[in-house]
Amino acid sequence: MMKNLHFKDFFWNSDLTSTVGYDAIIQYLNDGKRTCKEVEDFMKARASVEEKYAKELLSLSKKVCGHSEMNTLKRSLDMLKLQTEQVSLSHLQLAQNMREEAKKLEDFKEKQKEARKKVEQQMDALHKQRSSQYKKTMDSKKTYDQKCRDKEEADQNVNRNTNTNNTKHMEKLYAKAQQAKQNAEEADRLYQQNVTTLGKIRDDWIKEHIKACEMFEKQSVERINFLRNTVWTHLNQLSQQCVTSDELYEEVRKSLEQCDIQEDIEHFVNLRQTGDKPPVPVVYENFYSGQRSPTGAPSFRMPPPVNRRGPLPLPTQNSNDDSHYSTVEDAGYSVIQY
């Protein structure tokens, strides 16, 4: 089985003053914080979309739809408007739920930020102290090395002049060698002291670095888990909205199942009927004779054209009898011209 990898085991550097490993972890944490902000903004934007959609649906549900319809189809159309309103309200609730989840993510991000801030401040202080002490130690080493070289040079001068007869000169050389020895010893003491101090600072830094790595790794685990759960919850909310919408739309489908076409037709007939008999045919009435054509004559019969008009009868000798002028030979004759 593969061993789990941890921050504390893989973010060191051979250079005591280097922060490259620590910086890599901090960069990773900053990227994670940015991801939290991006997911938070995404959810807030999606909530705004849902809210806008809900308001549009609510406005749509108030529009006239089947106002002049009647009976079972009207009930189905009314149900459509009612359930559309309910869908809009469910989307408003969804938008509110999304904003609450986004707020939880924001709070989580701020909580991690505050916890990190204390550790980062402590680690920054340790890094400065470590760098300062390292420089101080290296400077003291240079001084120590130089004092040791000065001592060796002074000792060599004494050895080279051992056979001289100049007592005063030898005393000066001995005094200079003794002073160089004291300076070298003092530099050695100071150098060792700085190395000891640096070692203690290094040990403290290593302990704190391990603690910081463990804390940062824990935060990263929590962040990934929180983001995963947040997105999972977000998807559950969307899925639930689909289920809710489908349940509301099912009410409309049930209403449509109760929509009876024949019943609606009969309802209209019973409500608006105007009579069960058609009008009688319109018969032709001759203007001159006052006679009517047979009952079965069609009401739409057109009068004959003018060229079918028969000639006027010649008057008889009996001028008192105008009966010939009271009728026209053509039974379809009419004085109306078209």
C-alpha atoms as a PDB file:
ATOM      1  CA  MET A   1       0.000   0.000   0.000  1.00  0.00           C
ATOM      2  CA  MET A   2       1.286   3.423  -0.948  1.00  0.00           C
ATOM      3  CA  LYS A   3       2.294   5.703   1.911  1.00  0.00           C
ATOM      4  CA  ASN A   4       0.411   8.974   2.278  1.00  0.00           C
ATOM      5  CA  LEU A   5       2.408  12.065   1.413  1.00  0.00           C
ATOM      6  CA  HIS A   6       2.428  15.000   3.819  1.00  0.00           C
ATOM      7  CA  PHE A   7       3.519  18.619   3.618  1.00  0.00           C
ATOM      8  CA  LYS A   8       5.937  18.277   6.540  1.00  0.00           C
ATOM      9  CA  ASP A   9       8.030  15.678   4.695  1.00  0.00           C
ATOM     10  CA  PHE A  10       8.513  17.322   1.309  1.00  0.00           C
ATOM     11  CA  PHE A  11       8.911  21.079   1.669  1.00  0.00           C
ATOM     12  CA  TRP A  12      12.453  21.537   3.006  1.00  0.00           C
ATOM     13  CA  ASN A  13      15.575  23.011   1.438  1.00  0.00           C
ATOM     14  CA  SER A  14      19.284  22.463   2.014  1.00  0.00           C
ATOM     15  CA  ASP A  15      19.786  26.222   2.359  1.00  0.00           C
ATOM     16  CA  LEU A  16      19.019  27.146   5.956  1.00  0.00           C
ATOM     17  CA  THR A  17      17.767  30.614   5.025  1.00  0.00           C
ATOM     18  CA  SER A  18      15.648  29.463   2.066  1.00  0.00           C
ATOM     19  CA  THR A  19      11.846  29.717   2.278  1.00  0.00           C
ATOM     20  CA  VAL A  20      11.175  28.048  -1.081  1.00  0.00           C
ATOM     21  CA  GLY A  21       9.314  25.082   0.480  1.00  0.00           C
ATOM     22  CA  TYR A  22       7.246  27.282   2.756  1.00  0.00           C
ATOM     23  CA  ASP A  23       6.518  29.678  -0.112  1.00  0.00           C
ATOM     24  CA  ALA A  24       5.264  26.786  -2.259  1.00  0.00           C
ATOM     25  CA  ILE A  25       2.777  25.805   0.451  1.00  0.00           C
ATOM     26  CA  ILE A  26       1.616  29.399   0.923  1.00  0.00           C
ATOM     27  CA  GLN A  27       1.111  29.749  -2.838  1.00  0.00           C
ATOM     28  CA  TYR A  28      -0.992  26.569  -2.815  1.00  0.00           C
ATOM     29  CA  LEU A  29      -3.089  27.898   0.066  1.00  0.00           C
ATOM     30  CA  ASN A  30      -3.584  31.230  -1.720  1.00  0.00           C
ATOM     31  CA  ASP A  31      -4.695  29.390  -4.850  1.00  0.00           C
ATOM     32  CA  GLY A  32      -7.137  27.402  -2.723  1.00  0.00           C
ATOM     33  CA  LYS A  33      -8.499  30.601  -1.189  1.00  0.00           C
ATOM     34  CA  ARG A  34      -8.955  31.990  -4.693  1.00  0.00           C
ATOM     35  CA  THR A  35     -10.869  28.834  -5.677  1.00  0.00           C
ATOM     36  CA  CYS A  36     -13.185  29.302  -2.695  1.00  0.00           C
ATOM     37  CA  LYS A  37     -13.854  32.876  -3.807  1.00  0.00           C
ATOM     38  CA  GLU A  38     -14.524  31.762  -7.388  1.00  0.00           C
ATOM     39  CA  VAL A  39     -16.985  29.064  -6.283  1.00  0.00           C
ATOM     40  CA  GLU A  40     -18.629  31.558  -3.935  1.00  0.00           C
ATOM     41  CA  ASP A  41     -19.014  34.095  -6.777  1.00  0.00           C
ATOM     42  CA  PHE A  42     -20.304  31.353  -9.093  1.00  0.00           C
ATOM     43  CA  MET A  43     -23.015  30.349  -6.627  1.00  0.00           C
ATOM     44  CA  LYS A  44     -24.014  33.952  -6.005  1.00  0.00           C
ATOM     45  CA  ALA A  45     -24.276  34.524  -9.758  1.00  0.00           C
ATOM     46  CA  ARG A  46     -26.339  31.348 -10.167  1.00  0.00           C
ATOM     47  CA  ALA A  47     -28.610  32.509  -7.346  1.00  0.00           C
ATOM     48  CA  SER A  48     -29.113  35.809  -9.208  1.00  0.00           C
ATOM     49  CA  VAL A  49     -29.992  33.878 -12.368  1.00  0.00           C
ATOM     50  CA  GLU A  50     -32.511  31.778 -10.460  1.00  0.00           C
ATOM     51  CA  GLU A  51     -34.023  34.864  -8.844  1.00  0.00           C
ATOM     52  CA  LYS A  52     -34.343  36.657 -12.180  1.00  0.00           C
ATOM     53  CA  TYR A  53     -35.850  33.529 -13.756  1.00  0.00           C
ATOM     54  CA  ALA A  54     -38.273  33.209 -10.828  1.00  0.00           C
ATOM     55  CA  LYS A  55     -39.435  36.800 -11.197  1.00  0.00           C
ATOM     56  CA  GLU A  56     -39.927  36.350 -14.942  1.00  0.00           C
ATOM     57  CA  LEU A  57     -41.948  33.181 -14.313  1.00  0.00           C
ATOM     58  CA  LEU A  58     -44.017  34.949 -11.674  1.00  0.00           C
ATOM     59  CA  SER A  59     -44.757  37.751 -14.120  1.00  0.00           C
ATOM     60  CA  LEU A  60     -45.632  35.177 -16.775  1.00  0.00           C
ATOM     61  CA  SER A  61     -48.031  33.379 -14.436  1.00  0.00           C
ATOM     62  CA  LYS A  62     -50.039  36.622 -14.088  1.00  0.00           C
ATOM     63  CA  LYS A  63     -50.573  37.008 -17.827  1.00  0.00           C
ATOM     64  CA  VAL A  64     -53.924  36.228 -19.435  1.00  0.00           C
ATOM     65  CA  CYS A  65     -54.031  32.668 -20.699  1.00  0.00           C
ATOM     66  CA  GLY A  66     -57.330  31.182 -21.801  1.00  0.00           C
ATOM     67  CA  HIS A  67     -59.447  33.990 -20.380  1.00  0.00           C
ATOM     68  CA  SER A  68     -62.341  33.306 -22.736  1.00  0.00           C
ATOM     69  CA  GLU A  69     -62.003  29.518 -22.515  1.00  0.00           C
ATOM     70  CA  MET A  70     -64.521  27.506 -20.473  1.00  0.00           C
ATOM     71  CA  ASN A  71     -65.124  24.293 -18.581  1.00  0.00           C
ATOM     72  CA  THR A  72     -62.451  21.573 -18.291  1.00  0.00           C
ATOM     73  CA  LEU A  73     -59.864  23.147 -20.586  1.00  0.00           C
ATOM     74  CA  LYS A  74     -60.176  26.436 -18.694  1.00  0.00           C
ATOM     75  CA  ARG A  75     -59.522  24.578 -15.448  1.00  0.00           C
ATOM     76  CA  SER A  76     -56.386  23.049 -16.992  1.00  0.00           C
ATOM     77  CA  LEU A  77     -55.148  26.428 -18.207  1.00  0.00           C
ATOM     78  CA  ASP A  78     -55.818  27.938 -14.781  1.00  0.00           C
ATOM     79  CA  MET A  79     -53.871  25.060 -13.268  1.00  0.00           C
ATOM     80  CA  LEU A  80     -51.007  25.797 -15.671  1.00  0.00           C
ATOM     81  CA  LYS A  81     -50.836  29.397 -14.438  1.00  0.00           C
ATOM     82  CA  LEU A  82     -51.116  28.355 -10.801  1.00  0.00           C
ATOM     83  CA  GLN A  83     -48.338  25.782 -11.028  1.00  0.00           C
ATOM     84  CA  THR A  84     -46.159  28.166 -13.025  1.00  0.00           C
ATOM     85  CA  GLU A  85     -46.492  30.551 -10.102  1.00  0.00           C
ATOM     86  CA  GLN A  86     -45.547  27.750  -7.720  1.00  0.00           C
ATOM     87  CA  VAL A  87     -42.508  26.911  -9.857  1.00  0.00           C
ATOM     88  CA  SER A  88     -41.439  30.555  -9.730  1.00  0.00           C
ATOM     89  CA  LEU A  89     -41.734  30.554  -5.931  1.00  0.00           C
ATOM     90  CA  SER A  90     -39.693  27.367  -5.722  1.00  0.00           C
ATOM     91  CA  HIS A  91     -36.969  29.019  -7.821  1.00  0.00           C
ATOM     92  CA  LEU A  92     -36.999  32.003  -5.475  1.00  0.00           C
ATOM     93  CA  GLN A  93     -36.474  29.600  -2.586  1.00  0.00           C
ATOM     94  CA  LEU A  94     -33.698  27.905  -4.533  1.00  0.00           C
ATOM     95  CA  ALA A  95     -31.969  31.268  -5.028  1.00  0.00           C
ATOM     96  CA  GLN A  96     -32.197  31.916  -1.287  1.00  0.00           C
ATOM     97  CA  ASN A  97     -30.760  28.473  -0.487  1.00  0.00           C
ATOM     98  CA  MET A  98     -27.866  29.072  -2.879  1.00  0.00           C
ATOM     99  CA  ARG A  99     -27.051  32.393  -1.239  1.00  0.00           C
ATOM    100  CA  GLU A 100     -27.037  30.701   2.157  1.00  0.00           C
ATOM    101  CA  GLU A 101     -24.576  28.088   0.881  1.00  0.00           C
ATOM    102  CA  ALA A 102     -22.419  30.833  -0.620  1.00  0.00           C
ATOM    103  CA  LYS A 103     -22.453  32.631   2.755  1.00  0.00           C
ATOM    104  CA  LYS A 104     -21.313  29.433   4.485  1.00  0.00           C
ATOM    105  CA  LEU A 105     -18.439  29.189   2.032  1.00  0.00           C
ATOM    106  CA  GLU A 106     -17.537  32.821   2.623  1.00  0.00           C
ATOM    107  CA  ASP A 107     -17.541  32.296   6.405  1.00  0.00           C
ATOM    108  CA  PHE A 108     -15.416  29.155   6.014  1.00  0.00           C
ATOM    109  CA  LYS A 109     -12.908  31.050   3.875  1.00  0.00           C
ATOM    110  CA  GLU A 110     -12.671  33.908   6.404  1.00  0.00           C
ATOM    111  CA  LYS A 111     -12.261  31.440   9.288  1.00  0.00           C
ATOM    112  CA  GLN A 112      -9.349  29.740   7.542  1.00  0.00           C
ATOM    113  CA  LYS A 113      -7.851  33.120   6.694  1.00  0.00           C
ATOM    114  CA  GLU A 114      -7.835  34.170  10.361  1.00  0.00           C
ATOM    115  CA  ALA A 115      -6.340  30.854  11.487  1.00  0.00           C
ATOM    116  CA  ARG A 116      -3.626  31.090   8.823  1.00  0.00           C
ATOM    117  CA  LYS A 117      -2.848  34.690   9.662  1.00  0.00           C
ATOM    118  CA  LYS A 118      -1.560  33.824  13.150  1.00  0.00           C
ATOM    119  CA  VAL A 119       0.630  30.987  11.883  1.00  0.00           C
ATOM    120  CA  GLU A 120       1.986  33.025   8.971  1.00  0.00           C
ATOM    121  CA  GLN A 121       2.880  35.929  11.254  1.00  0.00           C
ATOM    122  CA  GLN A 122       4.718  33.589  13.605  1.00  0.00           C
ATOM    123  CA  MET A 123       6.547  31.888  10.726  1.00  0.00           C
ATOM    124  CA  ASP A 124       7.488  35.231   9.144  1.00  0.00           C
ATOM    125  CA  ALA A 125       8.967  36.348  12.465  1.00  0.00           C
ATOM    126  CA  LEU A 126      10.923  33.094  12.722  1.00  0.00           C
ATOM    127  CA  HIS A 127      12.203  33.472   9.164  1.00  0.00           C
ATOM    128  CA  LYS A 128      13.454  36.988   9.889  1.00  0.00           C
ATOM    129  CA  GLN A 129      15.041  35.889  13.152  1.00  0.00           C
ATOM    130  CA  ARG A 130      16.648  32.891  11.454  1.00  0.00           C
ATOM    131  CA  SER A 131      18.025  34.998   8.599  1.00  0.00           C
ATOM    132  CA  SER A 132      19.296  37.657  10.969  1.00  0.00           C
ATOM    133  CA  GLN A 133      20.991  35.134  13.234  1.00  0.00           C
ATOM    134  CA  TYR A 134      22.427  33.248  10.280  1.00  0.00           C
ATOM    135  CA  LYS A 135      24.000  36.469   8.954  1.00  0.00           C
ATOM    136  CA  LYS A 136      25.268  37.306  12.433  1.00  0.00           C
ATOM    137  CA  THR A 137      26.758  33.836  12.761  1.00  0.00           C
ATOM    138  CA  MET A 138      28.425  33.977   9.364  1.00  0.00           C
ATOM    139  CA  ASP A 139      29.860  37.417  10.177  1.00  0.00           C
ATOM    140  CA  SER A 140      31.194  36.137  13.476  1.00  0.00           C
ATOM    141  CA  LYS A 141      32.735  33.180  11.635  1.00  0.00           C
ATOM    142  CA  LYS A 142      34.515  35.552   9.276  1.00  0.00           C
ATOM    143  CA  THR A 143      35.768  37.542  12.247  1.00  0.00           C
ATOM    144  CA  TYR A 144      36.827  34.338  13.980  1.00  0.00           C
ATOM    145  CA  ASP A 145      38.677  33.115  10.914  1.00  0.00           C
ATOM    146  CA  GLN A 146      40.440  36.468  10.550  1.00  0.00           C
ATOM    147  CA  LYS A 147      41.413  36.554  14.245  1.00  0.00           C
ATOM    148  CA  CYS A 148      42.773  33.039  13.983  1.00  0.00           C
ATOM    149  CA  ARG A 149      44.869  34.061  10.996  1.00  0.00           C
ATOM    150  CA  ASP A 150      46.065  37.111  12.912  1.00  0.00           C
ATOM    151  CA  LYS A 151      47.053  34.852  15.857  1.00  0.00           C
ATOM    152  CA  GLU A 152      48.929  32.463  13.590  1.00  0.00           C
ATOM    153  CA  GLU A 153      50.745  35.360  11.969  1.00  0.00           C
ATOM    154  CA  ALA A 154      51.671  36.792  15.388  1.00  0.00           C
ATOM    155  CA  ASP A 155      52.934  33.373  16.552  1.00  0.00           C
ATOM    156  CA  GLN A 156      54.983  33.004  13.391  1.00  0.00           C
ATOM    157  CA  ASN A 157      56.553  36.429  13.966  1.00  0.00           C
ATOM    158  CA  VAL A 158      57.539  35.373  17.460  1.00  0.00           C
ATOM    159  CA  ASN A 159      59.051  32.126  16.192  1.00  0.00           C
ATOM    160  CA  ARG A 160      60.957  33.889  13.434  1.00  0.00           C
ATOM    161  CA  ASN A 161      62.496  36.341  15.922  1.00  0.00           C
ATOM    162  CA  THR A 162      63.322  33.876  18.680  1.00  0.00           C
ATOM    163  CA  ASN A 163      67.091  34.273  18.227  1.00  0.00           C
ATOM    164  CA  THR A 164      67.056  38.066  18.128  1.00  0.00           C
ATOM    165  CA  ASN A 165      68.919  40.014  20.789  1.00  0.00           C
ATOM    166  CA  ASN A 166      66.419  42.873  20.727  1.00  0.00           C
ATOM    167  CA  THR A 167      64.534  42.227  23.944  1.00  0.00           C
ATOM    168  CA  LYS A 168      62.204  45.151  23.559  1.00  0.00           C
ATOM    169  CA  HIS A 169      61.207  44.043  20.052  1.00  0.00           C
ATOM    170  CA  MET A 170      60.545  40.528  21.319  1.00  0.00           C
ATOM    171  CA  GLU A 171      58.378  41.833  24.104  1.00  0.00           C
ATOM    172  CA  LYS A 172      56.277  43.675  21.541  1.00  0.00           C
ATOM    173  CA  LEU A 173      55.971  40.533  19.464  1.00  0.00           C
ATOM    174  CA  TYR A 174      54.983  38.491  22.509  1.00  0.00           C
ATOM    175  CA  ALA A 175      52.427  41.120  23.536  1.00  0.00           C
ATOM    176  CA  LYS A 176      51.009  41.231  20.011  1.00  0.00           C
ATOM    177  CA  ALA A 177      50.796  37.447  19.880  1.00  0.00           C
ATOM    178  CA  GLN A 178      49.123  37.354  23.265  1.00  0.00           C
ATOM    179  CA  GLN A 179      46.603  39.968  22.166  1.00  0.00           C
ATOM    180  CA  ALA A 180      45.939  38.094  18.920  1.00  0.00           C
ATOM    181  CA  LYS A 181      45.397  34.937  20.939  1.00  0.00           C
ATOM    182  CA  GLN A 182      42.896  36.704  23.188  1.00  0.00           C
ATOM    183  CA  ASN A 183      41.152  38.206  20.170  1.00  0.00           C
ATOM    184  CA  ALA A 184      40.942  34.799  18.504  1.00  0.00           C
ATOM    185  CA  GLU A 185      39.598  33.211  21.668  1.00  0.00           C
ATOM    186  CA  GLU A 186      37.004  35.972  22.021  1.00  0.00           C
ATOM    187  CA  ALA A 187      36.029  35.597  18.376  1.00  0.00           C
ATOM    188  CA  ASP A 188      35.872  31.847  18.862  1.00  0.00           C
ATOM    189  CA  ARG A 189      33.612  32.272  21.887  1.00  0.00           C
ATOM    190  CA  LEU A 190      31.348  34.702  20.066  1.00  0.00           C
ATOM    191  CA  TYR A 191      31.273  32.479  16.987  1.00  0.00           C
ATOM    192  CA  GLN A 192      30.351  29.410  19.052  1.00  0.00           C
ATOM    193  CA  GLN A 193      27.724  31.421  20.888  1.00  0.00           C
ATOM    194  CA  ASN A 194      26.157  32.534  17.603  1.00  0.00           C
ATOM    195  CA  VAL A 195      26.261  29.007  16.224  1.00  0.00           C
ATOM    196  CA  THR A 196      24.531  27.768  19.390  1.00  0.00           C
ATOM    197  CA  THR A 197      21.915  30.512  19.136  1.00  0.00           C
ATOM    198  CA  LEU A 198      21.390  29.777  15.452  1.00  0.00           C
ATOM    199  CA  GLY A 199      21.054  26.101  16.240  1.00  0.00           C
ATOM    200  CA  LYS A 200      18.349  26.841  18.793  1.00  0.00           C
ATOM    201  CA  ILE A 201      16.563  29.131  16.347  1.00  0.00           C
ATOM    202  CA  ARG A 202      16.860  26.440  13.673  1.00  0.00           C
ATOM    203  CA  ASP A 203      15.387  23.824  16.015  1.00  0.00           C
ATOM    204  CA  ASP A 204      12.511  26.160  16.928  1.00  0.00           C
ATOM    205  CA  TRP A 205      11.930  26.968  13.280  1.00  0.00           C
ATOM    206  CA  ILE A 206      11.903  23.297  12.286  1.00  0.00           C
ATOM    207  CA  LYS A 207       9.337  22.522  14.983  1.00  0.00           C
ATOM    208  CA  GLU A 208       7.175  25.468  13.963  1.00  0.00           C
ATOM    209  CA  HIS A 209       7.603  24.644  10.284  1.00  0.00           C
ATOM    210  CA  ILE A 210       6.351  21.122  10.934  1.00  0.00           C
ATOM    211  CA  LYS A 211       3.419  22.490  12.951  1.00  0.00           C
ATOM    212  CA  ALA A 212       2.647  25.003  10.187  1.00  0.00           C
ATOM    213  CA  CYS A 213       2.824  22.279   7.544  1.00  0.00           C
ATOM    214  CA  GLU A 214       0.460  20.084   9.540  1.00  0.00           C
ATOM    215  CA  MET A 215      -1.916  22.987  10.115  1.00  0.00           C
ATOM    216  CA  PHE A 216      -1.795  24.075   6.458  1.00  0.00           C
ATOM    217  CA  GLU A 217      -2.315  20.500   5.274  1.00  0.00           C
ATOM    218  CA  LYS A 218      -5.282  20.156   7.607  1.00  0.00           C
ATOM    219  CA  GLN A 219      -6.729  23.386   6.233  1.00  0.00           C
ATOM    220  CA  SER A 220      -6.235  22.132   2.684  1.00  0.00           C
ATOM    221  CA  VAL A 221      -8.023  18.871   3.496  1.00  0.00           C
ATOM    222  CA  GLU A 222     -10.876  20.813   5.098  1.00  0.00           C
ATOM    223  CA  ARG A 223     -11.042  23.235   2.162  1.00  0.00           C
ATOM    224  CA  ILE A 224     -11.184  20.501  -0.467  1.00  0.00           C
ATOM    225  CA  ASN A 225     -13.773  18.611   1.567  1.00  0.00           C
ATOM    226  CA  PHE A 226     -15.840  21.746   2.162  1.00  0.00           C
ATOM    227  CA  LEU A 227     -15.751  22.758  -1.505  1.00  0.00           C
ATOM    228  CA  ARG A 228     -16.652  19.236  -2.608  1.00  0.00           C
ATOM    229  CA  ASN A 229     -19.591  19.125  -0.187  1.00  0.00           C
ATOM    230  CA  THR A 230     -20.677  22.629  -1.173  1.00  0.00           C
ATOM    231  CA  VAL A 231     -20.778  21.779  -4.867  1.00  0.00           C
ATOM    232  CA  TRP A 232     -22.502  18.471  -4.030  1.00  0.00           C
ATOM    233  CA  THR A 233     -25.153  20.345  -2.053  1.00  0.00           C
ATOM    234  CA  HIS A 234     -25.485  22.843  -4.901  1.00  0.00           C
ATOM    235  CA  LEU A 235     -26.177  20.029  -7.355  1.00  0.00           C
ATOM    236  CA  ASN A 236     -28.634  18.414  -4.947  1.00  0.00           C
ATOM    237  CA  GLN A 237     -30.495  21.710  -4.777  1.00  0.00           C
ATOM    238  CA  LEU A 238     -30.668  21.863  -8.564  1.00  0.00           C
ATOM    239  CA  SER A 239     -31.816  18.254  -8.780  1.00  0.00           C
ATOM    240  CA  GLN A 240     -34.435  18.839  -6.109  1.00  0.00           C
ATOM    241  CA  GLN A 241     -35.641  21.861  -8.028  1.00  0.00           C
ATOM    242  CA  CYS A 242     -36.120  19.639 -11.079  1.00  0.00           C
ATOM    243  CA  VAL A 243     -38.089  17.165  -8.962  1.00  0.00           C
ATOM    244  CA  THR A 244     -40.176  19.962  -7.442  1.00  0.00           C
ATOM    245  CA  SER A 245     -40.850  21.488 -10.848  1.00  0.00           C
ATOM    246  CA  ASP A 246     -41.825  18.099 -12.240  1.00  0.00           C
ATOM    247  CA  GLU A 247     -44.213  17.506  -9.333  1.00  0.00           C
ATOM    248  CA  LEU A 248     -45.835  20.880  -9.936  1.00  0.00           C
ATOM    249  CA  TYR A 249     -46.048  20.267 -13.675  1.00  0.00           C
ATOM    250  CA  GLU A 250     -47.553  16.852 -12.926  1.00  0.00           C
ATOM    251  CA  GLU A 251     -50.504  18.669 -11.385  1.00  0.00           C
ATOM    252  CA  VAL A 252     -51.033  20.368 -14.729  1.00  0.00           C
ATOM    253  CA  ARG A 253     -50.798  17.020 -16.529  1.00  0.00           C
ATOM    254  CA  LYS A 254     -53.365  15.535 -14.145  1.00  0.00           C
ATOM    255  CA  SER A 255     -55.650  18.470 -14.878  1.00  0.00           C
ATOM    256  CA  LEU A 256     -55.181  17.932 -18.605  1.00  0.00           C
ATOM    257  CA  GLU A 257     -56.125  14.282 -18.158  1.00  0.00           C
ATOM    258  CA  GLN A 258     -59.432  15.518 -16.767  1.00  0.00           C
ATOM    259  CA  CYS A 259     -59.903  17.782 -19.763  1.00  0.00           C
ATOM    260  CA  ASP A 260     -62.809  16.171 -21.716  1.00  0.00           C
ATOM    261  CA  ILE A 261     -63.091  17.441 -25.259  1.00  0.00           C
ATOM    262  CA  GLN A 262     -66.658  16.237 -25.779  1.00  0.00           C
ATOM    263  CA  GLU A 263     -67.700  17.583 -22.409  1.00  0.00           C
ATOM    264  CA  ASP A 264     -66.319  21.018 -23.283  1.00  0.00           C
ATOM    265  CA  ILE A 265     -68.164  20.970 -26.621  1.00  0.00           C
ATOM    266  CA  GLU A 266     -71.426  19.992 -24.931  1.00  0.00           C
ATOM    267  CA  HIS A 267     -70.854  22.568 -22.208  1.00  0.00           C
ATOM    268  CA  PHE A 268     -70.531  25.285 -24.843  1.00  0.00           C
ATOM    269  CA  VAL A 269     -73.617  24.031 -26.682  1.00  0.00           C
ATOM    270  CA  ASN A 270     -75.724  23.995 -23.518  1.00  0.00           C
ATOM    271  CA  LEU A 271     -74.470  27.376 -22.404  1.00  0.00           C
ATOM    272  CA  ARG A 272     -74.685  29.296 -25.651  1.00  0.00           C
ATOM    273  CA  GLN A 273     -77.241  27.501 -27.815  1.00  0.00           C
ATOM    274  CA  THR A 274     -79.533  29.801 -29.828  1.00  0.00           C
ATOM    275  CA  GLY A 275     -82.080  27.432 -31.383  1.00  0.00           C
ATOM    276  CA  ASP A 276     -82.517  23.943 -32.765  1.00  0.00           C
ATOM    277  CA  LYS A 277     -84.274  24.740 -36.096  1.00  0.00           C
ATOM    278  CA  PRO A 278     -82.779  26.388 -39.188  1.00  0.00           C
ATOM    279  CA  PRO A 279     -84.585  29.323 -40.842  1.00  0.00           C
ATOM    280  CA  VAL A 280     -87.241  28.560 -43.504  1.00  0.00           C
ATOM    281  CA  PRO A 281     -86.285  29.228 -47.131  1.00  0.00           C
ATOM    282  CA  VAL A 282     -86.853  32.689 -48.507  1.00  0.00           C
ATOM    283  CA  VAL A 283     -89.384  32.461 -51.346  1.00  0.00           C
ATOM    284  CA  TYR A 284     -89.649  34.609 -54.409  1.00  0.00           C
ATOM    285  CA  GLU A 285     -92.521  37.123 -54.406  1.00  0.00           C
ATOM    286  CA  ASN A 286     -93.650  38.606 -57.730  1.00  0.00           C
ATOM    287  CA  PHE A 287     -94.146  42.275 -57.385  1.00  0.00           C
ATOM    288  CA  TYR A 288     -97.018  42.425 -59.906  1.00  0.00           C
ATOM    289  CA  SER A 289     -99.001  39.343 -59.113  1.00  0.00           C
ATOM    290  CA  GLY A 290     -98.368  39.100 -55.395  1.00  0.00           C
ATOM    291  CA  GLN A 291     -97.959  35.389 -56.033  1.00  0.00           C
ATOM    292  CA  ARG A 292     -95.284  33.337 -54.376  1.00  0.00           C
ATOM    293  CA  SER A 293     -93.246  30.635 -55.920  1.00  0.00           C
ATOM    294  CA  PRO A 294     -93.695  27.112 -54.638  1.00  0.00           C
ATOM    295  CA  THR A 295     -92.553  26.518 -51.109  1.00  0.00           C
ATOM    296  CA  GLY A 296     -89.627  24.451 -52.178  1.00  0.00           C
ATOM    297  CA  ALA A 297     -88.093  27.205 -54.303  1.00  0.00           C
ATOM    298  CA  PRO A 298     -84.548  27.990 -53.149  1.00  0.00           C
ATOM    299  CA  SER A 299     -84.098  31.278 -51.329  1.00  0.00           C
ATOM    300  CA  PHE A 300     -80.945  32.066 -53.247  1.00  0.00           C
ATOM    301  CA  ARG A 301     -82.486  31.941 -56.755  1.00  0.00           C
ATOM    302  CA  MET A 302     -81.198  34.810 -58.828  1.00  0.00           C
ATOM    303  CA  PRO A 303     -83.567  36.760 -61.121  1.00  0.00           C
ATOM    304  CA  PRO A 304     -83.167  36.172 -64.836  1.00  0.00           C
ATOM    305  CA  PRO A 305     -81.057  38.573 -66.868  1.00  0.00           C
ATOM    306  CA  VAL A 306     -82.717  41.422 -68.705  1.00  0.00           C
ATOM    307  CA  ASN A 307     -82.316  39.749 -72.139  1.00  0.00           C
ATOM    308  CA  ARG A 308     -84.748  37.032 -71.036  1.00  0.00           C
ATOM    309  CA  ARG A 309     -87.538  39.514 -70.624  1.00  0.00           C
ATOM    310  CA  GLY A 310     -90.497  38.666 -72.856  1.00  0.00           C
ATOM    311  CA  PRO A 311     -92.135  41.145 -75.287  1.00  0.00           C
ATOM    312  CA  LEU A 312     -95.021  43.230 -74.048  1.00  0.00           C
ATOM    313  CA  PRO A 313     -98.424  41.979 -75.247  1.00  0.00           C
ATOM    314  CA  LEU A 314    -100.248  43.981 -77.853  1.00  0.00           C
ATOM    315  CA  PRO A 315    -103.276  45.902 -76.513  1.00  0.00           C
ATOM    316  CA  THR A 316    -106.682  44.496 -77.386  1.00  0.00           C
ATOM    317  CA  GLN A 317    -109.555  46.463 -78.787  1.00  0.00           C
ATOM    318  CA  ASN A 318    -111.121  46.715 -75.382  1.00  0.00           C
ATOM    319  CA  SER A 319    -109.217  49.638 -74.002  1.00  0.00           C
ATOM    320  CA  ASN A 320    -110.995  49.331 -70.695  1.00  0.00           C
ATOM    321  CA  ASP A 321    -109.435  45.960 -70.015  1.00  0.00           C
ATOM    322  CA  ASP A 322    -105.864  46.341 -68.804  1.00  0.00           C
ATOM    323  CA  SER A 323    -105.581  42.784 -67.534  1.00  0.00           C
ATOM    324  CA  HIS A 324    -102.922  42.002 -70.171  1.00  0.00           C
ATOM    325  CA  TYR A 325    -100.640  44.645 -68.642  1.00  0.00           C
ATOM    326  CA  SER A 326    -100.987  43.344 -65.133  1.00  0.00           C
ATOM    327  CA  THR A 327     -98.923  40.183 -65.856  1.00  0.00           C
ATOM    328  CA  VAL A 328     -95.782  39.273 -67.726  1.00  0.00           C
ATOM    329  CA  GLU A 329     -95.545  36.185 -69.854  1.00  0.00           C
ATOM    330  CA  ASP A 330     -92.261  35.135 -68.272  1.00  0.00           C
ATOM    331  CA  ALA A 331     -92.989  33.895 -64.781  1.00  0.00           C
ATOM    332  CA  GLY A 332     -89.462  34.923 -63.705  1.00  0.00           C
ATOM    333  CA  TYR A 333     -89.814  38.485 -64.836  1.00  0.00           C
ATOM    334  CA  SER A 334     -88.806  41.284 -62.484  1.00  0.00           C
ATOM    335  CA  VAL A 335     -88.722  45.013 -62.849  1.00  0.00           C
ATOM    336  CA  ILE A 336     -85.505  45.074 -60.785  1.00  0.00           C
ATOM    337  CA  GLN A 337     -82.511  45.479 -63.033  1.00  0.00           C
ATOM    338  CA  TYR A 338     -79.084  44.082 -62.168  1.00  0.00           C
END
